[in-house]
Amino acid sequence: MNSDDIFKLIERLKDSGLIVIGDIVMEKRIDNGGIGCQIINEETQKGIKPKPPQPKREGTPKPPNPNETMTFKRKGSVLEGHLTLLFNKLAKEGWIEGNEADFKALFSGRRDENCMLTWAGLYGKSTLVELFKQLIKAELVVLKEGYTLSSVLEGHFVDKSGQWLTGLDKGDSPNEKALPMIQECVKLLQADPRQLVYGNYQEDEDFQLAYNPYDHQDMHLHRR
Protein backbone atom coordinates (compact mmCIF):
# COMPACT_ATOMS: atom_id res chain seq x y z
CA MET A 1 0.00 0.00 0.00
CA ASN A 2 1.48 3.37 -1.03
CA SER A 3 1.26 6.71 0.78
CA ASP A 4 -1.79 7.87 -1.16
CA ASP A 5 -3.70 4.75 -0.20
CA ILE A 6 -2.76 5.15 3.48
CA PHE A 7 -3.95 8.77 3.56
CA LYS A 8 -7.22 7.81 1.91
CA LEU A 9 -7.69 5.03 4.48
CA ILE A 10 -7.10 7.42 7.40
CA GLU A 11 -9.60 9.96 6.04
CA ARG A 12 -12.19 7.25 5.57
CA LEU A 13 -11.69 6.03 9.12
CA LYS A 14 -12.14 9.56 10.46
CA ASP A 15 -15.27 10.11 8.39
CA SER A 16 -16.75 6.87 9.70
CA GLY A 17 -16.64 8.20 13.25
CA LEU A 18 -13.75 6.18 14.67
CA ILE A 19 -11.28 7.78 17.05
CA VAL A 20 -7.86 8.59 15.72
CA ILE A 21 -5.50 9.32 18.60
CA GLY A 22 -1.82 10.06 18.58
CA ASP A 23 0.75 11.61 16.29
CA ILE A 24 0.86 10.19 12.80
CA VAL A 25 3.40 11.64 10.40
CA MET A 26 2.99 10.55 6.80
CA GLU A 27 4.80 11.46 3.62
CA LYS A 28 2.72 12.21 0.59
CA ARG A 29 4.13 12.70 -2.89
CA ILE A 30 2.58 15.65 -4.65
CA ASP A 31 2.23 16.39 -8.32
CA ASN A 32 5.35 18.56 -8.70
CA GLY A 33 7.53 15.79 -7.37
CA GLY A 34 7.94 17.25 -3.89
CA ILE A 35 7.09 15.59 -0.61
CA GLY A 36 4.58 16.96 1.86
CA CYS A 37 4.17 15.99 5.50
CA GLN A 38 0.88 15.78 7.33
CA ILE A 39 0.68 15.53 11.14
CA ILE A 40 -2.44 14.13 12.70
CA ASN A 41 -2.85 14.73 16.41
CA GLU A 42 -6.48 14.70 17.33
CA GLU A 43 -9.15 12.86 19.26
CA THR A 44 -12.60 12.74 17.85
CA GLN A 45 -15.57 11.51 19.86
CA LYS A 46 -17.96 11.29 16.93
CA GLY A 47 -19.98 8.10 16.98
CA ILE A 48 -18.42 6.71 20.17
CA LYS A 49 -20.79 5.64 22.92
CA PRO A 50 -19.58 6.34 26.47
CA LYS A 51 -19.18 3.39 28.81
CA PRO A 52 -22.28 2.89 30.93
CA PRO A 53 -21.77 3.64 34.64
CA GLN A 54 -21.20 0.64 36.84
CA PRO A 55 -24.38 -0.21 38.75
CA LYS A 56 -24.20 0.42 42.50
CA ARG A 57 -24.44 -2.72 44.55
CA GLU A 58 -27.61 -2.40 46.55
CA GLY A 59 -27.48 -3.18 50.23
CA THR A 60 -23.71 -2.80 50.48
CA PRO A 61 -22.86 -0.13 53.04
CA LYS A 62 -19.89 2.10 52.52
CA PRO A 63 -17.00 1.40 54.90
CA PRO A 64 -16.80 4.12 57.53
CA ASN A 65 -13.98 6.59 57.21
CA PRO A 66 -11.44 6.05 60.04
CA ASN A 67 -12.23 9.50 61.44
CA GLU A 68 -15.94 8.59 61.62
CA THR A 69 -15.57 5.68 64.03
CA MET A 70 -15.18 7.77 67.19
CA THR A 71 -17.97 7.56 69.76
CA PHE A 72 -19.39 10.04 72.27
CA LYS A 73 -18.15 10.30 75.85
CA ARG A 74 -20.87 10.22 78.49
CA LYS A 75 -20.58 12.38 81.56
CA GLY A 76 -20.14 10.75 84.95
CA SER A 77 -23.76 11.36 85.89
CA VAL A 78 -24.96 9.18 83.00
CA LEU A 79 -24.87 5.58 84.18
CA GLU A 80 -25.36 2.29 82.38
CA GLY A 81 -28.92 2.21 83.67
CA HIS A 82 -29.67 5.56 82.06
CA LEU A 83 -28.46 4.20 78.72
CA THR A 84 -30.58 1.07 79.13
CA LEU A 85 -33.70 3.15 79.65
CA LEU A 86 -32.86 5.45 76.74
CA PHE A 87 -32.24 2.50 74.42
CA ASN A 88 -35.53 0.87 75.41
CA LYS A 89 -37.42 4.13 74.84
CA LEU A 90 -35.93 4.79 71.40
CA ALA A 91 -36.46 1.18 70.35
CA LYS A 92 -40.06 1.16 71.60
CA GLU A 93 -40.83 4.33 69.66
CA GLY A 94 -39.34 2.75 66.53
CA TRP A 95 -36.56 5.30 66.20
CA ILE A 96 -33.63 2.89 66.32
CA GLU A 97 -33.00 -0.78 65.63
CA GLY A 98 -30.05 -2.80 66.85
CA ASN A 99 -28.74 -4.29 70.06
CA GLU A 100 -28.25 -2.64 73.41
CA ALA A 101 -24.51 -3.37 73.54
CA ASP A 102 -23.92 -1.38 70.35
CA PHE A 103 -26.03 1.47 71.65
CA LYS A 104 -24.07 1.67 74.90
CA ALA A 105 -20.81 1.47 72.98
CA LEU A 106 -21.88 4.64 71.18
CA PHE A 107 -21.25 6.46 74.49
CA SER A 108 -17.90 4.84 75.35
CA GLY A 109 -15.70 7.72 74.21
CA ARG A 110 -13.47 5.32 72.29
CA ARG A 111 -13.10 4.22 68.69
CA ASP A 112 -15.43 1.36 67.85
CA GLU A 113 -15.70 0.33 64.22
CA ASN A 114 -18.13 -2.49 65.07
CA CYS A 115 -20.73 -0.24 66.67
CA MET A 116 -23.56 0.01 64.11
CA LEU A 117 -27.22 0.92 64.61
CA THR A 118 -30.15 1.45 62.27
CA TRP A 119 -31.91 4.81 62.32
CA ALA A 120 -35.56 4.12 61.57
CA GLY A 121 -37.10 7.32 62.93
CA LEU A 122 -40.35 8.39 61.30
CA TYR A 123 -39.29 12.04 61.22
CA GLY A 124 -36.13 11.78 59.15
CA LYS A 125 -32.42 11.70 59.88
CA SER A 126 -32.31 15.37 60.92
CA THR A 127 -34.08 14.20 64.09
CA LEU A 128 -31.08 12.00 64.92
CA VAL A 129 -28.80 15.03 64.69
CA GLU A 130 -31.12 17.11 66.88
CA LEU A 131 -31.31 14.37 69.51
CA PHE A 132 -27.55 14.37 70.00
CA LYS A 133 -27.34 18.14 69.74
CA GLN A 134 -29.65 18.38 72.72
CA LEU A 135 -27.72 15.73 74.67
CA ILE A 136 -24.52 17.70 74.09
CA LYS A 137 -26.21 21.00 74.95
CA ALA A 138 -27.44 19.51 78.23
CA GLU A 139 -23.83 18.42 78.94
CA LEU A 140 -24.81 14.78 79.16
CA VAL A 141 -22.43 13.63 76.42
CA VAL A 142 -19.25 15.13 75.02
CA LEU A 143 -18.06 15.28 71.42
CA LYS A 144 -14.36 14.52 71.20
CA GLU A 145 -12.18 17.39 70.04
CA GLY A 146 -11.39 17.24 66.33
CA TYR A 147 -14.62 15.43 65.40
CA THR A 148 -17.93 16.73 64.11
CA LEU A 149 -21.33 15.57 65.24
CA SER A 150 -22.36 14.56 61.72
CA SER A 151 -19.20 12.54 61.02
CA VAL A 152 -19.52 10.54 64.25
CA LEU A 153 -23.18 9.75 63.60
CA GLU A 154 -22.51 8.88 59.96
CA GLY A 155 -19.89 6.39 61.14
CA HIS A 156 -22.32 4.43 63.31
CA PHE A 157 -25.83 4.69 61.80
CA VAL A 158 -27.30 3.11 58.68
CA ASP A 159 -30.76 3.51 57.20
CA LYS A 160 -33.32 0.74 56.81
CA SER A 161 -31.77 -0.36 53.51
CA GLY A 162 -28.38 -0.84 55.17
CA GLN A 163 -26.72 2.22 53.62
CA TRP A 164 -24.63 4.46 55.86
CA LEU A 165 -26.31 7.78 56.63
CA THR A 166 -24.88 10.76 54.76
CA GLY A 167 -25.61 14.46 54.48
CA LEU A 168 -26.14 14.96 58.21
CA ASP A 169 -24.14 18.19 58.08
CA LYS A 170 -26.68 20.01 55.88
CA GLY A 171 -28.37 21.62 58.87
CA ASP A 172 -31.90 20.50 58.04
CA SER A 173 -34.46 21.41 60.70
CA PRO A 174 -35.97 18.49 62.63
CA ASN A 175 -39.66 17.78 62.44
CA GLU A 176 -41.46 19.64 65.23
CA LYS A 177 -43.41 16.49 66.08
CA ALA A 178 -40.15 14.87 67.18
CA LEU A 179 -39.11 17.63 69.62
CA PRO A 180 -41.23 16.48 72.62
CA MET A 181 -39.74 12.99 72.35
CA ILE A 182 -36.22 14.45 72.21
CA GLN A 183 -36.86 16.45 75.38
CA GLU A 184 -38.11 13.30 77.10
CA CYS A 185 -34.83 11.59 76.18
CA VAL A 186 -32.83 14.47 77.65
CA LYS A 187 -34.82 14.39 80.90
CA LEU A 188 -34.38 10.63 81.08
CA LEU A 189 -30.58 10.97 81.19
CA GLN A 190 -30.84 13.82 83.69
CA ALA A 191 -33.01 11.89 86.14
CA ASP A 192 -31.82 11.03 89.63
CA PRO A 193 -31.09 7.27 89.73
CA ARG A 194 -33.10 6.99 92.96
CA GLN A 195 -36.21 8.10 91.06
CA LEU A 196 -35.85 5.80 88.08
CA VAL A 197 -37.46 2.40 87.94
CA TYR A 198 -38.22 0.14 85.00
CA GLY A 199 -39.31 -3.39 84.24
CA ASN A 200 -41.15 -4.74 87.26
CA TYR A 201 -40.49 -1.56 89.22
CA GLN A 202 -37.17 -2.85 90.48
CA GLU A 203 -34.13 -0.63 90.96
CA ASP A 204 -31.58 -0.96 88.20
CA GLU A 205 -28.48 -2.60 89.66
CA ASP A 206 -26.28 -0.20 87.71
CA PHE A 207 -27.98 2.76 89.34
CA GLN A 208 -26.73 1.56 92.72
CA LEU A 209 -23.20 2.30 91.52
CA ALA A 210 -24.05 5.99 91.93
CA TYR A 211 -23.69 5.50 95.67
CA ASN A 212 -20.40 3.67 95.40
CA PRO A 213 -17.41 5.95 96.07
CA TYR A 214 -15.66 4.21 93.18
CA ASP A 215 -17.53 4.60 89.93
CA HIS A 216 -17.14 1.35 87.99
CA GLN A 217 -19.37 2.32 85.09
CA ASP A 218 -16.51 2.29 82.58
CA MET A 219 -15.50 -1.24 83.53
CA HIS A 220 -18.49 -2.68 81.67
CA LEU A 221 -17.16 -4.44 78.62
CA HIS A 222 -18.72 -4.08 75.21
CA ARG A 223 -19.76 -7.62 74.45
CA ARG A 224 -21.62 -9.02 71.50
Foldseek 3Di string as FASTA:
>chain_A
DDQVVVVVVVVVCVVVFDWDADWDWTWDQDDVRDIDIDIDHDTTRGPPDDDDDDDDDFLDADQADQLQQFAKAFDPLQFLVLLVVLVVLCVVQVQKDDDSLLSVVNHLRGGDQPRAIEGEDPFDPLLVLVLVVVCVVLVGIHDDPPHDSQSNQQSHYDYPRNYRDDDNPVPDDTDPVCVVVSVVSNVSRVDQQVPDADDVRDRDPRSVLVPPPDRCRSVDDRDD
